[in-house]
C-alpha cells in the first residue's frame, strides 16, 4: 500500500529538493510535507 502511496505523492506533491529549498528556512506546511513524504518513503522501502 505504501508503494502505491509513494508513487501518488511523487506525482502530486512538490519536490522541495529540486526547488533548492533550504530546510532551515522552510515554512511549517513545507516541513509537514517533507515529513509526510519521508514517512511514506521509509515505509514503502521496508
N, C-alpha and C. Protein backbone atom coordinates (compact mmCIF):
# COMPACT_ATOMS: atom_id res chain seq x y z
N UNK A 1 0.81 -1.19 0.00
CA UNK A 1 0.00 0.00 0.00
C UNK A 1 0.87 1.27 0.00
N UNK A 2 1.97 1.25 0.75
CA UNK A 2 2.82 2.44 0.82
C UNK A 2 3.55 2.69 -0.49
N UNK A 3 3.82 1.64 -1.26
CA UNK A 3 4.48 1.84 -2.56
C UNK A 3 3.58 2.61 -3.50
N UNK A 4 2.30 2.28 -3.48
CA UNK A 4 1.33 3.00 -4.32
C UNK A 4 1.19 4.44 -3.84
N UNK A 5 1.12 4.62 -2.53
CA UNK A 5 1.02 5.96 -1.96
C UNK A 5 2.25 6.81 -2.29
N UNK A 6 3.43 6.19 -2.29
CA UNK A 6 4.66 6.91 -2.62
C UNK A 6 4.64 7.37 -4.08
N UNK A 7 4.12 6.55 -4.97
CA UNK A 7 4.04 6.94 -6.38
C UNK A 7 3.05 8.09 -6.58
N UNK A 8 1.94 8.05 -5.86
CA UNK A 8 0.96 9.13 -5.95
C UNK A 8 1.57 10.43 -5.42
N UNK A 9 2.30 10.33 -4.30
CA UNK A 9 2.95 11.51 -3.73
C UNK A 9 3.95 12.12 -4.70
N UNK A 10 4.68 11.27 -5.39
CA UNK A 10 5.68 11.76 -6.34
C UNK A 10 5.02 12.55 -7.46
N UNK A 11 3.84 12.15 -7.85
CA UNK A 11 3.13 12.85 -8.92
C UNK A 11 2.46 14.14 -8.44
N UNK A 12 1.91 14.13 -7.23
CA UNK A 12 1.08 15.24 -6.78
C UNK A 12 1.80 16.27 -5.93
N UNK A 13 2.67 15.84 -5.06
CA UNK A 13 3.30 16.77 -4.12
C UNK A 13 4.58 17.36 -4.70
N UNK A 14 4.87 18.58 -4.35
CA UNK A 14 6.07 19.23 -4.88
C UNK A 14 7.35 18.64 -4.28
N UNK A 15 8.41 18.66 -5.06
CA UNK A 15 9.72 18.22 -4.59
C UNK A 15 10.52 19.46 -4.22
N UNK A 16 10.73 19.65 -2.94
CA UNK A 16 11.43 20.84 -2.48
C UNK A 16 12.93 20.77 -2.71
N UNK A 17 13.48 19.56 -2.85
CA UNK A 17 14.91 19.46 -3.11
C UNK A 17 15.23 19.92 -4.52
N UNK A 18 14.35 19.67 -5.45
CA UNK A 18 14.56 20.14 -6.82
C UNK A 18 14.44 21.65 -6.92
N UNK A 19 13.65 22.23 -6.01
CA UNK A 19 13.47 23.68 -6.00
C UNK A 19 14.58 24.38 -5.24
N UNK A 20 15.45 23.61 -4.58
CA UNK A 20 16.56 24.20 -3.84
C UNK A 20 16.14 24.84 -2.53
N UNK A 21 15.13 24.29 -1.88
CA UNK A 21 14.64 24.84 -0.62
C UNK A 21 15.63 24.57 0.50
N UNK A 22 15.94 25.61 1.25
CA UNK A 22 16.78 25.46 2.44
C UNK A 22 15.86 25.05 3.59
N UNK A 23 16.11 23.88 4.17
CA UNK A 23 15.23 23.33 5.20
C UNK A 23 15.16 24.24 6.42
N UNK A 24 16.24 24.93 6.73
CA UNK A 24 16.22 25.81 7.91
C UNK A 24 15.30 27.01 7.70
N UNK A 25 14.95 27.32 6.46
CA UNK A 25 14.07 28.45 6.16
C UNK A 25 12.69 28.00 5.69
N UNK A 26 12.41 26.69 5.77
CA UNK A 26 11.13 26.16 5.31
C UNK A 26 9.99 26.56 6.24
N UNK A 27 8.83 26.76 5.66
CA UNK A 27 7.65 27.09 6.44
C UNK A 27 7.08 25.81 7.06
N UNK A 28 6.15 25.97 7.99
CA UNK A 28 5.61 24.81 8.69
C UNK A 28 4.89 23.85 7.74
N UNK A 29 4.16 24.37 6.77
CA UNK A 29 3.45 23.48 5.86
C UNK A 29 4.43 22.74 4.95
N UNK A 30 5.54 23.37 4.62
CA UNK A 30 6.56 22.70 3.81
C UNK A 30 7.23 21.60 4.63
N UNK A 31 7.50 21.87 5.91
CA UNK A 31 8.09 20.86 6.78
C UNK A 31 7.14 19.68 6.96
N UNK A 32 5.84 19.95 7.02
CA UNK A 32 4.85 18.88 7.15
C UNK A 32 4.86 17.98 5.91
N UNK A 33 4.96 18.57 4.74
CA UNK A 33 5.01 17.79 3.50
C UNK A 33 6.31 16.97 3.44
N UNK A 34 7.41 17.57 3.83
CA UNK A 34 8.70 16.86 3.83
C UNK A 34 8.64 15.67 4.78
N UNK A 35 8.10 15.88 5.97
CA UNK A 35 7.98 14.79 6.94
C UNK A 35 7.06 13.69 6.47
N UNK A 36 5.95 14.07 5.87
CA UNK A 36 4.99 13.09 5.36
C UNK A 36 5.61 12.25 4.24
N UNK A 37 6.31 12.92 3.32
CA UNK A 37 6.94 12.19 2.22
C UNK A 37 8.03 11.26 2.73
N UNK A 38 8.79 11.71 3.73
CA UNK A 38 9.84 10.87 4.30
C UNK A 38 9.25 9.65 4.98
N UNK A 39 8.16 9.82 5.71
CA UNK A 39 7.50 8.71 6.39
C UNK A 39 6.99 7.68 5.38
N UNK A 40 6.32 8.15 4.34
CA UNK A 40 5.76 7.23 3.34
C UNK A 40 6.87 6.51 2.60
N UNK A 41 7.93 7.23 2.25
CA UNK A 41 9.06 6.61 1.54
C UNK A 41 9.73 5.56 2.42
N UNK A 42 9.92 5.87 3.69
CA UNK A 42 10.54 4.92 4.60
C UNK A 42 9.70 3.65 4.72
N UNK A 43 8.39 3.80 4.82
CA UNK A 43 7.51 2.65 4.93
C UNK A 43 7.44 1.85 3.63
N UNK A 44 7.56 2.53 2.49
CA UNK A 44 7.49 1.85 1.20
C UNK A 44 8.74 1.01 0.95
N UNK A 45 9.87 1.44 1.49
CA UNK A 45 11.13 0.73 1.27
C UNK A 45 11.20 -0.55 2.10
N UNK A 46 10.57 -0.57 3.25
CA UNK A 46 10.62 -1.74 4.14
C UNK A 46 10.17 -2.98 3.48
